[in-house]
Amino acid sequence: MKALHETIEGCVNCNICVKECAFLQKYGTPGAICKRYLSGERSVDSPVFECNLCGLCKEVCPKDLKVSKAFLEIRSAIQTGSKPANAVSIHTQHTTICAYEKRGGSPLFALHQFPLKSDAVFFPGCTLAATRSATTLKTYEYIQKIKPGCGIILDCCAKPSDDLGLTGRFRSMFTKLVDRLKAGGVKKIYTACPSCYVTFKTHAPELETLTVYELLSANPPTQLGTVTETVTVHDTCTTRHEPQIHDSVRSLIRSTGAEVAEVRHSREKTICCGEGGSAAFIAPEITDSWKSIRKEEAVGKRVITYCTGCSSMFGNELQTTHLLDLLFNREKALKGREQRTKTPFTYLYRILLKNRLRK
């Protein structure tokens, strides 16, 4: 538990990170939280499950401490100690997200259409395919125009299990997925979900992983220059250290004619939407605080996201538009009438999308 001990030894209780985070304001500095764990705070009630693991604390830390990694080490230790098989979380509140993850890779919802005369696939991620099936299809059809033969994979990358500290469960699911991709001749993956991007880049470095936004920024769709708004951007916390993604997203937004107004918490200093680390299942009163910050900084402007989870978390509290909707479903998106399927209909639309792609 290297990061844990480094956090204990390095934290000087300067409170810089505390000022940025409602979770730390409730439980204290990272050093203090880690010390309490070593002192015996190792039960299901450990506060680390209320952290979004967004990494903003590390960005503002004068010692550059890997706090999120330390908290994840604690999560994994507690999960493993309570459930040796690492099959389910010790928190019953995680049942929903674990079941969602399992369904995402099940035969009923998964689809593996491997590339033809290509080595690349589009990996939209569970939530985009479920909530925006029409936009997912339009995005894939456009990708096929610029990358003929590109395949498509509807499956789950198992990042929820990784974030929950369910190491055994994550490794089992992710290894099976990667092995199947390799067997299908896949060498390159275009992800729409930033979390999927980070998962593949971190745990399957032998595959070349790019976001679809990088691909599209080099080949922007037609119907450009029709947006006259000034918008803000919500960068995802998972890709805070990926400037090429930040630049690609802004390039695509400007290609529509829109102007981008940067906010204080953006790029590497971005905030979480509240979904990260599945903390909202345990402490929604803490994770909701991020929405207030984003709403205050947006000052009424449209917020462009490129993560479906972020878009869903902001909901109706902010005027939020997913970048792929802006590109491929623009007229409805600007009027707030784009497809935003909600549970339980998300499962129906995933099946319908799967069946259409198979044809």
Protein backbone atom coordinates (compact mmCIF):
# COMPACT_ATOMS: atom_id res chain seq x y z
CA MET A 1 0.00 0.00 0.00
CA LYS A 2 2.60 2.43 -1.21
CA ALA A 3 0.32 5.41 -1.88
CA LEU A 4 -1.29 5.04 1.54
CA HIS A 5 2.02 5.30 3.40
CA GLU A 6 3.25 8.10 1.13
CA THR A 7 0.10 10.07 1.92
CA ILE A 8 0.53 9.58 5.67
CA GLU A 9 4.18 10.57 5.56
CA GLY A 10 3.80 13.43 3.09
CA CYS A 11 0.56 15.15 4.13
CA VAL A 12 1.35 18.38 6.00
CA ASN A 13 -2.31 19.19 6.75
CA CYS A 14 -2.13 22.42 4.76
CA ASN A 15 -5.88 22.16 4.01
CA ILE A 16 -5.48 23.37 0.40
CA CYS A 17 -7.29 20.28 -0.86
CA VAL A 18 -9.88 20.52 1.93
CA LYS A 19 -11.00 23.91 0.62
CA GLU A 20 -11.81 22.31 -2.74
CA CYS A 21 -13.72 19.23 -1.56
CA ALA A 22 -16.88 18.67 0.49
CA PHE A 23 -15.76 15.13 1.32
CA LEU A 24 -12.51 16.33 2.88
CA GLN A 25 -14.35 19.16 4.63
CA LYS A 26 -16.40 16.49 6.39
CA TYR A 27 -13.66 13.98 7.21
CA GLY A 28 -10.40 15.94 7.38
CA THR A 29 -7.14 15.91 5.49
CA PRO A 30 -6.04 12.90 3.43
CA GLY A 31 -3.26 12.19 5.91
CA ALA A 32 -5.70 12.08 8.81
CA ILE A 33 -8.10 9.76 6.94
CA CYS A 34 -5.30 7.35 6.06
CA LYS A 35 -4.00 7.34 9.65
CA ARG A 36 -7.44 6.47 10.96
CA TYR A 37 -7.51 3.46 8.65
CA LEU A 38 -4.21 2.18 10.05
CA SER A 39 -5.57 2.79 13.54
CA GLY A 40 -8.39 0.32 12.93
CA GLU A 41 -11.07 2.14 10.91
CA ARG A 42 -11.45 -0.74 8.47
CA SER A 43 -15.16 -1.53 8.45
CA VAL A 44 -17.92 -0.93 5.94
CA ASP A 45 -18.28 2.54 7.48
CA SER A 46 -14.86 3.71 6.28
CA PRO A 47 -15.28 7.19 4.76
CA VAL A 48 -13.16 6.35 1.70
CA PHE A 49 -16.28 4.94 0.01
CA GLU A 50 -17.75 8.46 0.07
CA CYS A 51 -14.89 9.90 -1.99
CA ASN A 52 -15.37 10.42 -5.74
CA LEU A 53 -11.72 9.50 -6.42
CA CYS A 54 -11.65 12.43 -8.84
CA GLY A 55 -8.02 13.39 -8.22
CA LEU A 56 -8.49 17.14 -7.75
CA CYS A 57 -6.77 16.86 -4.37
CA LYS A 58 -3.58 15.68 -6.06
CA GLU A 59 -3.73 18.54 -8.55
CA VAL A 60 -3.76 21.19 -5.82
CA CYS A 61 -1.48 19.30 -3.39
CA PRO A 62 1.91 21.03 -2.93
CA LYS A 63 3.45 17.57 -2.29
CA ASP A 64 1.75 15.96 -5.33
CA LEU A 65 0.39 13.14 -3.17
CA LYS A 66 -1.57 10.34 -4.86
CA VAL A 67 -4.55 10.61 -2.54
CA SER A 68 -7.13 8.90 -4.77
CA LYS A 69 -4.78 5.96 -5.21
CA ALA A 70 -4.31 5.75 -1.44
CA PHE A 71 -8.07 5.72 -0.87
CA LEU A 72 -8.47 3.07 -3.57
CA GLU A 73 -5.86 0.94 -1.82
CA ILE A 74 -7.94 1.19 1.36
CA ARG A 75 -11.13 0.30 -0.53
CA SER A 76 -9.49 -2.76 -2.03
CA ALA A 77 -8.06 -3.89 1.32
CA ILE A 78 -11.44 -3.58 3.03
CA GLN A 79 -13.28 -5.33 0.19
CA THR A 80 -10.77 -8.17 0.03
CA GLY A 81 -10.72 -8.61 3.79
CA SER A 82 -14.50 -8.89 3.93
CA LYS A 83 -15.12 -10.80 0.70
CA PRO A 84 -12.13 -12.96 -0.29
CA ALA A 85 -13.73 -13.81 -3.61
CA ASN A 86 -14.07 -10.09 -4.36
CA ALA A 87 -17.33 -10.92 -6.13
CA VAL A 88 -19.63 -8.36 -4.52
CA SER A 89 -19.20 -5.14 -2.60
CA ILE A 90 -19.55 -5.02 1.17
CA HIS A 91 -21.94 -2.10 0.61
CA THR A 92 -25.46 -3.13 -0.33
CA GLN A 93 -25.84 0.34 -1.87
CA HIS A 94 -23.48 -0.84 -4.63
CA THR A 95 -25.82 -3.63 -5.73
CA THR A 96 -27.36 -1.45 -8.45
CA ILE A 97 -24.10 -0.40 -10.11
CA CYS A 98 -22.63 -3.92 -9.89
CA ALA A 99 -25.76 -5.39 -11.50
CA TYR A 100 -25.65 -2.71 -14.22
CA GLU A 101 -22.03 -3.55 -14.91
CA LYS A 102 -22.75 -7.27 -15.12
CA ARG A 103 -25.65 -6.76 -17.53
CA GLY A 104 -23.45 -4.58 -19.74
CA GLY A 105 -21.26 -7.54 -20.57
CA SER A 106 -23.98 -10.17 -20.63
CA PRO A 107 -24.95 -12.05 -23.83
CA LEU A 108 -28.30 -10.26 -23.85
CA PHE A 109 -26.82 -6.77 -24.22
CA ALA A 110 -23.26 -7.29 -25.48
CA LEU A 111 -22.30 -7.27 -29.16
CA HIS A 112 -18.90 -7.94 -30.70
CA GLN A 113 -18.75 -6.99 -34.36
CA PHE A 114 -15.08 -7.27 -35.14
CA PRO A 115 -13.37 -5.18 -37.83
CA LEU A 116 -13.40 -6.09 -41.48
CA LYS A 117 -10.15 -5.28 -43.30
CA SER A 118 -9.26 -3.11 -40.31
CA ASP A 119 -7.88 -3.52 -36.82
CA ALA A 120 -10.02 -0.88 -35.07
CA VAL A 121 -13.32 -0.88 -33.19
CA PHE A 122 -15.65 1.76 -31.79
CA PHE A 123 -16.34 1.18 -28.08
CA PRO A 124 -19.16 3.58 -27.10
CA GLY A 125 -19.53 2.34 -23.50
CA CYS A 126 -22.59 1.14 -21.62
CA THR A 127 -24.27 4.45 -20.85
CA LEU A 128 -24.00 6.16 -24.24
CA ALA A 129 -25.46 3.12 -26.00
CA ALA A 130 -28.25 2.90 -23.43
CA THR A 131 -29.31 6.55 -23.15
CA ARG A 132 -28.47 7.78 -26.66
CA SER A 133 -28.81 4.83 -28.97
CA ALA A 134 -29.63 6.98 -32.04
CA THR A 135 -26.60 9.21 -31.49
CA THR A 136 -24.43 6.13 -30.92
CA LEU A 137 -25.54 4.73 -34.27
CA LYS A 138 -24.97 8.04 -36.11
CA THR A 139 -21.51 8.34 -34.57
CA TYR A 140 -20.61 4.82 -35.66
CA GLU A 141 -21.92 5.38 -39.19
CA TYR A 142 -19.73 8.48 -39.48
CA ILE A 143 -16.69 6.63 -38.11
CA GLN A 144 -17.20 3.97 -40.79
CA LYS A 145 -17.01 6.68 -43.46
CA ILE A 146 -13.61 7.87 -42.29
CA LYS A 147 -12.39 4.48 -41.05
CA PRO A 148 -13.90 1.87 -43.41
CA GLY A 149 -14.22 -1.58 -41.89
CA CYS A 150 -14.16 -0.32 -38.30
CA GLY A 151 -16.03 -2.70 -36.00
CA ILE A 152 -18.14 -1.93 -32.95
CA ILE A 153 -18.20 -3.44 -29.47
CA LEU A 154 -21.14 -3.09 -27.09
CA ASP A 155 -19.78 -4.25 -23.74
CA CYS A 156 -18.69 -3.03 -20.30
CA CYS A 157 -15.09 -2.19 -19.38
CA ALA A 158 -15.80 -3.07 -15.69
CA LYS A 159 -14.47 0.22 -14.34
CA PRO A 160 -17.12 0.33 -11.57
CA SER A 161 -15.58 -2.77 -10.00
CA ASP A 162 -12.11 -1.28 -10.32
CA ASP A 163 -13.25 1.90 -8.54
CA LEU A 164 -15.01 -0.04 -5.80
CA GLY A 165 -11.85 -1.96 -4.97
CA LEU A 166 -13.30 -5.24 -6.26
CA THR A 167 -9.96 -6.16 -7.78
CA GLY A 168 -10.67 -9.82 -8.44
CA ARG A 169 -14.01 -9.12 -10.08
CA PHE A 170 -12.52 -6.38 -12.26
CA ARG A 171 -9.57 -8.47 -13.42
CA SER A 172 -11.79 -11.40 -14.30
CA MET A 173 -14.23 -9.33 -16.37
CA PHE A 174 -11.69 -7.06 -18.03
CA THR A 175 -9.24 -9.84 -18.92
CA LYS A 176 -12.00 -11.83 -20.65
CA LEU A 177 -12.99 -8.74 -22.63
CA VAL A 178 -9.44 -7.90 -23.72
CA ASP A 179 -8.68 -11.51 -24.65
CA ARG A 180 -11.77 -11.58 -26.83
CA LEU A 181 -10.82 -8.31 -28.53
CA LYS A 182 -7.34 -9.58 -29.31
CA ALA A 183 -8.77 -12.82 -30.68
CA GLY A 184 -10.93 -10.72 -32.99
CA GLY A 185 -7.88 -8.94 -34.41
CA VAL A 186 -8.44 -5.67 -32.55
CA LYS A 187 -5.39 -3.46 -32.09
CA LYS A 188 -7.00 -0.02 -31.81
CA ILE A 189 -9.99 1.18 -29.82
CA TYR A 190 -11.96 4.41 -30.21
CA THR A 191 -13.89 5.09 -27.01
CA ALA A 192 -16.70 7.59 -26.48
CA CYS A 193 -16.67 7.11 -22.70
CA PRO A 194 -13.71 8.76 -20.93
CA SER A 195 -13.83 6.10 -18.19
CA CYS A 196 -13.52 3.34 -20.80
CA TYR A 197 -10.59 5.24 -22.31
CA VAL A 198 -8.73 5.36 -18.99
CA THR A 199 -9.50 1.70 -18.23
CA PHE A 200 -8.12 0.42 -21.53
CA LYS A 201 -5.14 2.78 -21.52
CA THR A 202 -4.19 1.81 -17.97
CA HIS A 203 -4.89 -1.92 -17.96
CA ALA A 204 -4.42 -2.88 -21.62
CA PRO A 205 -1.49 -0.76 -22.82
CA GLU A 206 -0.81 -3.27 -25.60
CA LEU A 207 -3.91 -1.90 -27.35
CA GLU A 208 -3.85 1.59 -28.85
CA THR A 209 -6.66 3.53 -27.22
CA LEU A 210 -7.95 6.88 -28.46
CA THR A 211 -11.16 8.77 -27.85
CA VAL A 212 -13.59 9.25 -30.66
CA TYR A 213 -13.19 13.00 -30.08
CA GLU A 214 -9.57 12.87 -31.19
CA LEU A 215 -10.63 10.99 -34.31
CA LEU A 216 -13.49 13.38 -35.08
CA SER A 217 -11.47 16.55 -34.48
CA ALA A 218 -9.20 15.51 -37.33
CA ASN A 219 -12.26 14.70 -39.47
CA PRO A 220 -15.04 17.02 -38.24
CA PRO A 221 -18.60 16.26 -39.39
CA THR A 222 -20.34 18.51 -41.86
CA GLN A 223 -23.05 21.06 -40.96
CA LEU A 224 -20.48 23.31 -39.35
CA GLY A 225 -20.81 26.87 -38.12
CA THR A 226 -24.52 26.81 -37.18
CA VAL A 227 -24.23 27.37 -33.42
CA THR A 228 -24.11 30.96 -32.22
CA GLU A 229 -23.92 30.36 -28.45
CA THR A 230 -21.07 30.82 -26.02
CA VAL A 231 -20.77 27.60 -24.03
CA THR A 232 -18.69 26.16 -21.22
CA VAL A 233 -17.04 22.76 -21.08
CA HIS A 234 -17.17 20.19 -18.31
CA ASP A 235 -14.00 18.14 -18.59
CA THR A 236 -14.19 14.70 -17.04
CA CYS A 237 -12.07 14.04 -13.97
CA THR A 238 -10.94 10.69 -15.37
CA THR A 239 -9.14 12.41 -18.27
CA ARG A 240 -7.82 15.45 -16.40
CA HIS A 241 -4.27 14.58 -17.53
CA GLU A 242 -5.14 14.13 -21.21
CA PRO A 243 -4.64 17.57 -22.86
CA GLN A 244 -5.04 16.09 -26.35
CA ILE A 245 -8.62 15.15 -25.43
CA HIS A 246 -9.33 18.60 -23.98
CA ASP A 247 -8.03 20.23 -27.15
CA SER A 248 -9.97 17.88 -29.44
CA VAL A 249 -13.22 18.54 -27.59
CA ARG A 250 -12.79 22.30 -27.84
CA SER A 251 -11.83 22.06 -31.50
CA LEU A 252 -15.03 20.15 -32.25
CA ILE A 253 -17.17 22.60 -30.29
CA ARG A 254 -15.67 25.56 -32.17
CA SER A 255 -16.20 23.76 -35.47
CA THR A 256 -19.95 24.11 -34.86
CA GLY A 257 -19.60 27.89 -34.60
CA ALA A 258 -19.88 28.03 -30.82
CA GLU A 259 -17.49 30.00 -28.63
CA VAL A 260 -15.96 28.39 -25.55
CA ALA A 261 -15.80 30.30 -22.28
CA GLU A 262 -13.28 28.62 -19.98
CA VAL A 263 -14.13 28.28 -16.30
CA ARG A 264 -11.92 28.02 -13.24
CA HIS A 265 -12.34 24.28 -12.80
CA SER A 266 -11.46 22.91 -16.22
CA ARG A 267 -8.89 20.72 -17.93
CA GLU A 268 -6.44 19.33 -15.32
CA LYS A 269 -8.20 21.30 -12.54
CA THR A 270 -11.69 20.07 -13.41
CA ILE A 271 -14.18 18.90 -10.80
CA CYS A 272 -16.16 15.68 -10.60
CA CYS A 273 -19.80 15.57 -11.70
CA GLY A 274 -20.56 13.52 -8.58
CA GLU A 275 -20.64 10.10 -10.24
CA GLY A 276 -16.98 9.18 -9.78
CA GLY A 277 -16.05 6.29 -7.55
CA SER A 278 -19.73 5.34 -7.13
CA ALA A 279 -19.69 7.63 -4.07
CA ALA A 280 -23.17 8.97 -4.85
CA PHE A 281 -24.64 5.63 -3.80
CA ILE A 282 -23.22 6.16 -0.30
CA ALA A 283 -23.16 9.93 0.25
CA PRO A 284 -25.28 11.85 -2.29
CA GLU A 285 -25.33 14.89 0.00
CA ILE A 286 -21.55 15.18 -0.49
CA THR A 287 -21.34 14.35 -4.17
CA ASP A 288 -24.15 16.77 -5.07
CA SER A 289 -21.92 19.65 -3.99
CA TRP A 290 -19.96 19.36 -7.24
CA LYS A 291 -23.08 20.26 -9.23
CA SER A 292 -23.40 23.53 -7.33
CA ILE A 293 -19.83 24.50 -8.23
CA ARG A 294 -20.33 23.72 -11.92
CA LYS A 295 -23.66 25.57 -11.98
CA GLU A 296 -22.12 28.65 -10.39
CA GLU A 297 -19.19 28.71 -12.83
CA ALA A 298 -21.40 28.16 -15.89
CA VAL A 299 -23.45 31.30 -15.04
CA GLY A 300 -26.38 30.18 -17.15
CA LYS A 301 -24.39 29.05 -20.19
CA ARG A 302 -24.88 25.68 -21.84
CA VAL A 303 -22.47 23.08 -20.46
CA ILE A 304 -20.97 20.74 -23.06
CA THR A 305 -19.99 17.33 -21.72
CA TYR A 306 -18.31 14.41 -23.41
CA CYS A 307 -19.18 11.86 -20.76
CA THR A 308 -22.71 10.46 -20.66
CA GLY A 309 -22.42 9.81 -16.94
CA CYS A 310 -21.61 13.48 -16.31
CA SER A 311 -24.54 14.54 -18.46
CA SER A 312 -26.88 12.25 -16.54
CA MET A 313 -25.60 13.43 -13.16
CA PHE A 314 -26.16 17.09 -13.99
CA GLY A 315 -29.65 16.24 -15.20
CA ASN A 316 -32.04 19.16 -15.30
CA GLU A 317 -30.03 21.28 -12.86
CA LEU A 318 -27.82 22.55 -15.67
CA GLN A 319 -28.42 23.12 -19.36
CA THR A 320 -26.24 20.24 -20.45
CA THR A 321 -25.56 18.90 -23.95
CA HIS A 322 -23.45 15.89 -24.84
CA LEU A 323 -20.87 16.75 -27.50
CA LEU A 324 -21.92 13.85 -29.75
CA ASP A 325 -25.52 15.11 -29.65
CA LEU A 326 -24.26 18.55 -30.64
CA LEU A 327 -22.42 17.02 -33.59
CA PHE A 328 -24.94 14.45 -34.81
CA ASN A 329 -28.30 15.52 -33.41
CA ARG A 330 -27.80 19.26 -33.35
CA GLU A 331 -31.24 20.70 -33.96
CA LYS A 332 -32.88 18.68 -31.20
CA ALA A 333 -29.90 19.06 -28.88
CA LEU A 334 -30.00 22.86 -29.02
CA LYS A 335 -33.70 22.74 -28.12
CA GLY A 336 -33.14 20.22 -25.31
CA ARG A 337 -35.12 17.54 -27.13
CA GLU A 338 -32.35 15.04 -27.84
CA GLN A 339 -32.79 11.41 -26.82
CA ARG A 340 -32.10 10.88 -23.11
CA THR A 341 -33.53 7.48 -22.37
CA LYS A 342 -33.93 6.63 -18.70
CA THR A 343 -34.13 3.37 -16.75
CA PRO A 344 -35.74 0.90 -17.32
CA PHE A 345 -36.15 1.85 -20.99
CA THR A 346 -32.37 2.06 -21.35
CA TYR A 347 -32.23 -1.72 -21.44
CA LEU A 348 -34.81 -1.89 -24.22
CA TYR A 349 -32.91 0.64 -26.34
CA ARG A 350 -29.64 -1.23 -25.86
CA ILE A 351 -31.27 -4.36 -27.23
CA LEU A 352 -32.81 -2.43 -30.12
CA LEU A 353 -29.44 -0.87 -30.96
CA LYS A 354 -27.77 -4.27 -30.78
CA ASN A 355 -30.33 -5.81 -33.13
CA ARG A 356 -30.04 -2.95 -35.60
CA LEU A 357 -26.26 -3.22 -35.67
CA ARG A 358 -26.44 -6.97 -36.23
CA LYS A 359 -28.53 -6.37 -39.35
